[in-house]
Amino acid sequence: MWNERYSSKDYAYGSEPNDYFAICLAKYSPTGKILCAAEGEGRNAVHAAKIGLDAYAFDISEEGKKKALQLSNTHGVSINYAVGDFLQMDFTKNSFDATALIYAHFPPNILSTYHQKIASLIKPNGLVILEGFSTNHLELRNKNPKVGGPKKLEMLFSIESIQKDFKDFEILELEEVEIELNEGLYHNGLGKVIRFVCKKKVS
């Protein structure tokens, strides 16, 4: 599915970074290495690289990587992009200063495992920035499929599920909000999302 979606000339979710991600980078000013999860066509990793971060990304789609590298070349920056199963990737623990989970919806049987691995890769005092569709989004998606998001309730986020998966982090922001999405071809309309920023506690 993702290779098919990303094989189009157009950028599926646009070439500009996610608004919340860009705002958070400006607000918290992380430095060093950032890992962008399920990064698709590279819009967030490229933005991170443009403001001076050492940007790493991963996805399961080779077509997504191709588009991401095209975008990075257009902007004159470089990003590190891996393709494959994240759970099998050999990233070093406590090696990233920040991570971005922007609409990174995974199957329910592995979602918490993904989040736990993400958490293990973050340095003490490192940041997690997340925006994703909430469980209350499904009603809006049914009314307007153009807004996008998973069709299955169990792939959506709740405040409680986020708190559980990142329990060893200090919560800086965590809320469910209704927003108007205008991201490329597949995120258009009113949606309900979880917005979350946390900092890894020093043990």
C-alpha atoms as a PDB file:
ATOM      1  CA  MET A   1       0.000   0.000   0.000  1.00  0.00           C
ATOM      2  CA  TRP A   2       2.676   2.526   1.017  1.00  0.00           C
ATOM      3  CA  ASN A   3       4.877   1.918  -2.019  1.00  0.00           C
ATOM      4  CA  GLU A   4       1.839   2.492  -4.220  1.00  0.00           C
ATOM      5  CA  ARG A   5       0.878   5.674  -2.379  1.00  0.00           C
ATOM      6  CA  TYR A   6       4.375   7.111  -2.456  1.00  0.00           C
ATOM      7  CA  SER A   7       5.061   6.224  -6.098  1.00  0.00           C
ATOM      8  CA  SER A   8       2.977   9.196  -7.257  1.00  0.00           C
ATOM      9  CA  LYS A   9       4.733  12.374  -8.390  1.00  0.00           C
ATOM     10  CA  ASP A  10       2.812  14.345  -5.758  1.00  0.00           C
ATOM     11  CA  TYR A  11       3.739  14.172  -2.094  1.00  0.00           C
ATOM     12  CA  ALA A  12       1.007  12.218  -0.315  1.00  0.00           C
ATOM     13  CA  TYR A  13       1.049  14.392   2.819  1.00  0.00           C
ATOM     14  CA  GLY A  14       2.710  17.426   1.292  1.00  0.00           C
ATOM     15  CA  SER A  15       6.354  18.459   1.295  1.00  0.00           C
ATOM     16  CA  GLU A  16       6.075  20.874   4.230  1.00  0.00           C
ATOM     17  CA  PRO A  17       6.651  19.625   7.784  1.00  0.00           C
ATOM     18  CA  ASN A  18       3.779  18.817  10.079  1.00  0.00           C
ATOM     19  CA  ASP A  19       2.734  22.036  11.835  1.00  0.00           C
ATOM     20  CA  TYR A  20       2.934  20.681  15.373  1.00  0.00           C
ATOM     21  CA  PHE A  21       6.338  19.099  14.751  1.00  0.00           C
ATOM     22  CA  ALA A  22       7.745  22.372  13.407  1.00  0.00           C
ATOM     23  CA  ILE A  23       6.274  24.340  16.319  1.00  0.00           C
ATOM     24  CA  CYS A  24       7.757  21.926  18.860  1.00  0.00           C
ATOM     25  CA  LEU A  25      11.224  22.070  17.304  1.00  0.00           C
ATOM     26  CA  ALA A  26      11.097  25.864  17.483  1.00  0.00           C
ATOM     27  CA  LYS A  27       9.765  25.815  21.046  1.00  0.00           C
ATOM     28  CA  TYR A  28      12.077  23.216  22.612  1.00  0.00           C
ATOM     29  CA  SER A  29      15.131  23.715  20.360  1.00  0.00           C
ATOM     30  CA  PRO A  30      16.596  20.187  20.503  1.00  0.00           C
ATOM     31  CA  THR A  31      20.112  19.761  19.147  1.00  0.00           C
ATOM     32  CA  GLY A  32      22.041  16.734  17.912  1.00  0.00           C
ATOM     33  CA  LYS A  33      20.387  13.643  16.439  1.00  0.00           C
ATOM     34  CA  ILE A  34      16.673  13.208  15.759  1.00  0.00           C
ATOM     35  CA  LEU A  35      14.898  10.028  14.647  1.00  0.00           C
ATOM     36  CA  CYS A  36      11.751  10.389  12.533  1.00  0.00           C
ATOM     37  CA  ALA A  37       9.621   7.242  12.722  1.00  0.00           C
ATOM     38  CA  ALA A  38       7.492   5.962   9.828  1.00  0.00           C
ATOM     39  CA  GLU A  39       8.758   9.008   7.963  1.00  0.00           C
ATOM     40  CA  GLY A  40       7.327   8.291   4.533  1.00  0.00           C
ATOM     41  CA  GLU A  41       8.385  10.924   2.019  1.00  0.00           C
ATOM     42  CA  GLY A  42      10.676  12.799   4.360  1.00  0.00           C
ATOM     43  CA  ARG A  43       8.929  16.106   5.021  1.00  0.00           C
ATOM     44  CA  ASN A  44       9.730  16.181   8.741  1.00  0.00           C
ATOM     45  CA  ALA A  45      13.257  14.796   8.540  1.00  0.00           C
ATOM     46  CA  VAL A  46      14.141  17.325   5.833  1.00  0.00           C
ATOM     47  CA  HIS A  47      12.804  20.168   7.968  1.00  0.00           C
ATOM     48  CA  ALA A  48      14.846  18.931  10.925  1.00  0.00           C
ATOM     49  CA  ALA A  49      17.971  18.816   8.765  1.00  0.00           C
ATOM     50  CA  LYS A  50      17.287  22.332   7.449  1.00  0.00           C
ATOM     51  CA  ILE A  51      17.371  23.755  10.984  1.00  0.00           C
ATOM     52  CA  GLY A  52      20.616  21.988  11.832  1.00  0.00           C
ATOM     53  CA  LEU A  53      19.633  18.649  13.346  1.00  0.00           C
ATOM     54  CA  ASP A  54      21.327  15.393  12.332  1.00  0.00           C
ATOM     55  CA  ALA A  55      18.225  13.757  10.855  1.00  0.00           C
ATOM     56  CA  TYR A  56      17.634  10.002  10.790  1.00  0.00           C
ATOM     57  CA  ALA A  57      14.463   8.376   9.465  1.00  0.00           C
ATOM     58  CA  PHE A  58      12.963   4.959   8.821  1.00  0.00           C
ATOM     59  CA  ASP A  59       9.978   3.506   7.009  1.00  0.00           C
ATOM     60  CA  ILE A  60       8.906   0.251   5.359  1.00  0.00           C
ATOM     61  CA  SER A  61       8.589   1.889   1.930  1.00  0.00           C
ATOM     62  CA  GLU A  62      11.399   2.093  -0.633  1.00  0.00           C
ATOM     63  CA  GLU A  63       9.279   4.548  -2.635  1.00  0.00           C
ATOM     64  CA  GLY A  64       8.988   6.737   0.445  1.00  0.00           C
ATOM     65  CA  LYS A  65      12.767   6.781   0.782  1.00  0.00           C
ATOM     66  CA  LYS A  66      13.194   7.763  -2.880  1.00  0.00           C
ATOM     67  CA  LYS A  67      10.837  10.717  -2.447  1.00  0.00           C
ATOM     68  CA  ALA A  68      12.531  11.703   0.833  1.00  0.00           C
ATOM     69  CA  LEU A  69      15.971  11.778  -0.774  1.00  0.00           C
ATOM     70  CA  GLN A  70      14.577  13.809  -3.684  1.00  0.00           C
ATOM     71  CA  LEU A  71      13.148  16.286  -1.183  1.00  0.00           C
ATOM     72  CA  SER A  72      16.400  16.502   0.761  1.00  0.00           C
ATOM     73  CA  ASN A  73      18.333  17.135  -2.465  1.00  0.00           C
ATOM     74  CA  THR A  74      15.882  19.875  -3.428  1.00  0.00           C
ATOM     75  CA  HIS A  75      16.561  21.622  -0.116  1.00  0.00           C
ATOM     76  CA  GLY A  76      20.301  21.015  -0.143  1.00  0.00           C
ATOM     77  CA  VAL A  77      20.428  18.909   3.011  1.00  0.00           C
ATOM     78  CA  SER A  78      21.219  15.283   3.783  1.00  0.00           C
ATOM     79  CA  ILE A  79      19.219  12.784   5.823  1.00  0.00           C
ATOM     80  CA  ASN A  80      19.950   9.222   6.920  1.00  0.00           C
ATOM     81  CA  TYR A  81      17.093   6.964   5.828  1.00  0.00           C
ATOM     82  CA  ALA A  82      16.669   3.238   6.592  1.00  0.00           C
ATOM     83  CA  VAL A  83      14.041   0.952   5.061  1.00  0.00           C
ATOM     84  CA  GLY A  84      12.752  -2.180   6.761  1.00  0.00           C
ATOM     85  CA  ASP A  85      11.218  -3.523   9.958  1.00  0.00           C
ATOM     86  CA  PHE A  86      12.007  -1.074  12.750  1.00  0.00           C
ATOM     87  CA  LEU A  87      12.000  -3.815  15.364  1.00  0.00           C
ATOM     88  CA  GLN A  88      14.862  -5.498  13.486  1.00  0.00           C
ATOM     89  CA  MET A  89      16.894  -2.314  12.984  1.00  0.00           C
ATOM     90  CA  ASP A  90      20.131  -2.008  14.915  1.00  0.00           C
ATOM     91  CA  PHE A  91      19.951   1.490  16.344  1.00  0.00           C
ATOM     92  CA  THR A  92      22.063   2.195  19.437  1.00  0.00           C
ATOM     93  CA  LYS A  93      20.255   2.709  22.729  1.00  0.00           C
ATOM     94  CA  ASN A  94      20.401   6.162  24.300  1.00  0.00           C
ATOM     95  CA  SER A  95      21.792   7.636  21.083  1.00  0.00           C
ATOM     96  CA  PHE A  96      19.137  10.127  19.939  1.00  0.00           C
ATOM     97  CA  ASP A  97      18.422  13.561  21.350  1.00  0.00           C
ATOM     98  CA  ALA A  98      14.873  13.607  20.007  1.00  0.00           C
ATOM     99  CA  THR A  99      12.388  11.504  18.097  1.00  0.00           C
ATOM    100  CA  ALA A 100       9.298  12.326  16.068  1.00  0.00           C
ATOM    101  CA  LEU A 101       6.225  10.111  15.842  1.00  0.00           C
ATOM    102  CA  ILE A 102       4.054  12.034  13.382  1.00  0.00           C
ATOM    103  CA  TYR A 103       1.019   9.939  12.389  1.00  0.00           C
ATOM    104  CA  ALA A 104       3.091   6.849  13.114  1.00  0.00           C
ATOM    105  CA  HIS A 105       0.226   4.391  13.523  1.00  0.00           C
ATOM    106  CA  PHE A 106       1.315   0.772  13.889  1.00  0.00           C
ATOM    107  CA  PRO A 107      -0.672  -2.477  14.189  1.00  0.00           C
ATOM    108  CA  PRO A 108      -2.037  -2.899  17.719  1.00  0.00           C
ATOM    109  CA  ASN A 109      -0.123  -6.086  18.460  1.00  0.00           C
ATOM    110  CA  ILE A 110       3.210  -4.268  18.100  1.00  0.00           C
ATOM    111  CA  LEU A 111       2.377  -0.629  18.880  1.00  0.00           C
ATOM    112  CA  SER A 112       3.562  -0.661  22.493  1.00  0.00           C
ATOM    113  CA  THR A 113       6.685  -2.599  21.485  1.00  0.00           C
ATOM    114  CA  TYR A 114       7.487   0.088  18.908  1.00  0.00           C
ATOM    115  CA  HIS A 115       7.032   2.806  21.509  1.00  0.00           C
ATOM    116  CA  GLN A 116       9.202   0.949  24.016  1.00  0.00           C
ATOM    117  CA  LYS A 117      11.996   0.605  21.458  1.00  0.00           C
ATOM    118  CA  ILE A 118      11.669   4.280  20.564  1.00  0.00           C
ATOM    119  CA  ALA A 119      11.927   5.124  24.266  1.00  0.00           C
ATOM    120  CA  SER A 120      15.088   3.025  24.634  1.00  0.00           C
ATOM    121  CA  LEU A 121      16.834   4.945  21.845  1.00  0.00           C
ATOM    122  CA  ILE A 122      16.373   8.356  23.470  1.00  0.00           C
ATOM    123  CA  LYS A 123      19.118   9.866  25.609  1.00  0.00           C
ATOM    124  CA  PRO A 124      18.284  11.051  29.136  1.00  0.00           C
ATOM    125  CA  ASN A 125      16.637  14.483  28.813  1.00  0.00           C
ATOM    126  CA  GLY A 126      15.853  13.656  25.167  1.00  0.00           C
ATOM    127  CA  LEU A 127      12.476  14.540  23.658  1.00  0.00           C
ATOM    128  CA  VAL A 128       9.622  12.598  22.079  1.00  0.00           C
ATOM    129  CA  ILE A 129       7.294  14.627  19.834  1.00  0.00           C
ATOM    130  CA  LEU A 130       4.083  12.882  18.804  1.00  0.00           C
ATOM    131  CA  GLU A 131       0.988  13.816  16.853  1.00  0.00           C
ATOM    132  CA  GLY A 132      -1.451  11.123  15.821  1.00  0.00           C
ATOM    133  CA  PHE A 133      -5.125  10.445  15.416  1.00  0.00           C
ATOM    134  CA  SER A 134      -7.077   9.790  18.607  1.00  0.00           C
ATOM    135  CA  THR A 135      -9.698   7.153  19.244  1.00  0.00           C
ATOM    136  CA  ASN A 136     -12.348   9.874  18.914  1.00  0.00           C
ATOM    137  CA  HIS A 137     -11.170  10.601  15.366  1.00  0.00           C
ATOM    138  CA  LEU A 138     -12.926   7.569  13.906  1.00  0.00           C
ATOM    139  CA  GLU A 139     -16.337   9.270  13.856  1.00  0.00           C
ATOM    140  CA  LEU A 140     -14.886  12.216  11.921  1.00  0.00           C
ATOM    141  CA  ARG A 141     -13.119   9.860   9.507  1.00  0.00           C
ATOM    142  CA  ASN A 142     -16.361   8.036   8.811  1.00  0.00           C
ATOM    143  CA  LYS A 143     -18.009  11.353   7.948  1.00  0.00           C
ATOM    144  CA  ASN A 144     -15.071  12.527   5.819  1.00  0.00           C
ATOM    145  CA  PRO A 145     -12.673   9.808   4.605  1.00  0.00           C
ATOM    146  CA  LYS A 146     -10.462  12.524   3.041  1.00  0.00           C
ATOM    147  CA  VAL A 147      -9.179  13.446   6.491  1.00  0.00           C
ATOM    148  CA  GLY A 148      -7.333  10.113   6.587  1.00  0.00           C
ATOM    149  CA  GLY A 149      -6.210   7.953   9.462  1.00  0.00           C
ATOM    150  CA  PRO A 150      -6.572   4.256  10.325  1.00  0.00           C
ATOM    151  CA  LYS A 151      -9.988   2.666   9.963  1.00  0.00           C
ATOM    152  CA  LYS A 152      -9.424   0.456  13.019  1.00  0.00           C
ATOM    153  CA  LEU A 153     -10.051   1.841  16.490  1.00  0.00           C
ATOM    154  CA  GLU A 154      -7.217  -0.190  18.011  1.00  0.00           C
ATOM    155  CA  MET A 155      -4.651   1.609  15.834  1.00  0.00           C
ATOM    156  CA  LEU A 156      -5.608   5.014  17.236  1.00  0.00           C
ATOM    157  CA  PHE A 157      -4.185   6.763  20.297  1.00  0.00           C
ATOM    158  CA  SER A 158      -5.643   7.814  23.626  1.00  0.00           C
ATOM    159  CA  ILE A 159      -4.145   9.923  26.382  1.00  0.00           C
ATOM    160  CA  GLU A 160      -4.131   6.826  28.578  1.00  0.00           C
ATOM    161  CA  SER A 161      -2.301   4.641  26.048  1.00  0.00           C
ATOM    162  CA  ILE A 162       0.376   7.294  25.518  1.00  0.00           C
ATOM    163  CA  GLN A 163       0.891   7.716  29.260  1.00  0.00           C
ATOM    164  CA  LYS A 164       1.283   3.962  29.616  1.00  0.00           C
ATOM    165  CA  ASP A 165       3.810   3.567  26.791  1.00  0.00           C
ATOM    166  CA  PHE A 166       6.008   6.472  27.929  1.00  0.00           C
ATOM    167  CA  LYS A 167       5.726   6.101  31.685  1.00  0.00           C
ATOM    168  CA  ASP A 168       9.434   6.791  32.291  1.00  0.00           C
ATOM    169  CA  PHE A 169       9.197  10.220  30.699  1.00  0.00           C
ATOM    170  CA  GLU A 170       8.298  13.631  32.065  1.00  0.00           C
ATOM    171  CA  ILE A 171       5.188  14.889  30.276  1.00  0.00           C
ATOM    172  CA  LEU A 172       5.625  18.399  28.889  1.00  0.00           C
ATOM    173  CA  GLU A 173       2.473  18.450  26.756  1.00  0.00           C
ATOM    174  CA  LEU A 174      -0.356  15.937  26.396  1.00  0.00           C
ATOM    175  CA  GLU A 175      -3.781  16.785  25.058  1.00  0.00           C
ATOM    176  CA  GLU A 176      -6.484  15.721  22.666  1.00  0.00           C
ATOM    177  CA  VAL A 177      -7.461  18.484  20.270  1.00  0.00           C
ATOM    178  CA  GLU A 178      -9.647  18.998  17.228  1.00  0.00           C
ATOM    179  CA  ILE A 179      -7.735  20.479  14.291  1.00  0.00           C
ATOM    180  CA  GLU A 180      -8.239  21.297  10.636  1.00  0.00           C
ATOM    181  CA  LEU A 181      -5.788  19.252   8.583  1.00  0.00           C
ATOM    182  CA  ASN A 182      -4.435  20.378   5.230  1.00  0.00           C
ATOM    183  CA  GLU A 183      -1.532  18.043   4.466  1.00  0.00           C
ATOM    184  CA  GLY A 184      -1.128  16.949   0.872  1.00  0.00           C
ATOM    185  CA  LEU A 185      -3.610  14.577  -0.718  1.00  0.00           C
ATOM    186  CA  TYR A 186      -4.605  12.406   2.237  1.00  0.00           C
ATOM    187  CA  HIS A 187      -4.991  14.600   5.351  1.00  0.00           C
ATOM    188  CA  ASN A 188      -7.765  17.084   4.600  1.00  0.00           C
ATOM    189  CA  GLY A 189     -10.536  18.133   6.947  1.00  0.00           C
ATOM    190  CA  LEU A 190     -11.468  18.136  10.596  1.00  0.00           C
ATOM    191  CA  GLY A 191      -9.662  15.593  12.739  1.00  0.00           C
ATOM    192  CA  LYS A 192      -9.103  14.725  16.394  1.00  0.00           C
ATOM    193  CA  VAL A 193      -5.512  14.146  17.411  1.00  0.00           C
ATOM    194  CA  ILE A 194      -3.315  13.467  20.395  1.00  0.00           C
ATOM    195  CA  ARG A 195      -0.454  15.928  20.773  1.00  0.00           C
ATOM    196  CA  PHE A 196       2.336  14.874  23.070  1.00  0.00           C
ATOM    197  CA  VAL A 197       5.813  16.031  24.066  1.00  0.00           C
ATOM    198  CA  CYS A 198       7.812  14.360  26.787  1.00  0.00           C
ATOM    199  CA  LYS A 199      11.359  14.315  28.130  1.00  0.00           C
ATOM    200  CA  LYS A 200      13.223  11.190  29.188  1.00  0.00           C
ATOM    201  CA  LYS A 201      13.948  11.180  32.892  1.00  0.00           C
ATOM    202  CA  VAL A 202      17.510  10.879  34.119  1.00  0.00           C
ATOM    203  CA  SER A 203      17.711   7.576  36.016  1.00  0.00           C
END
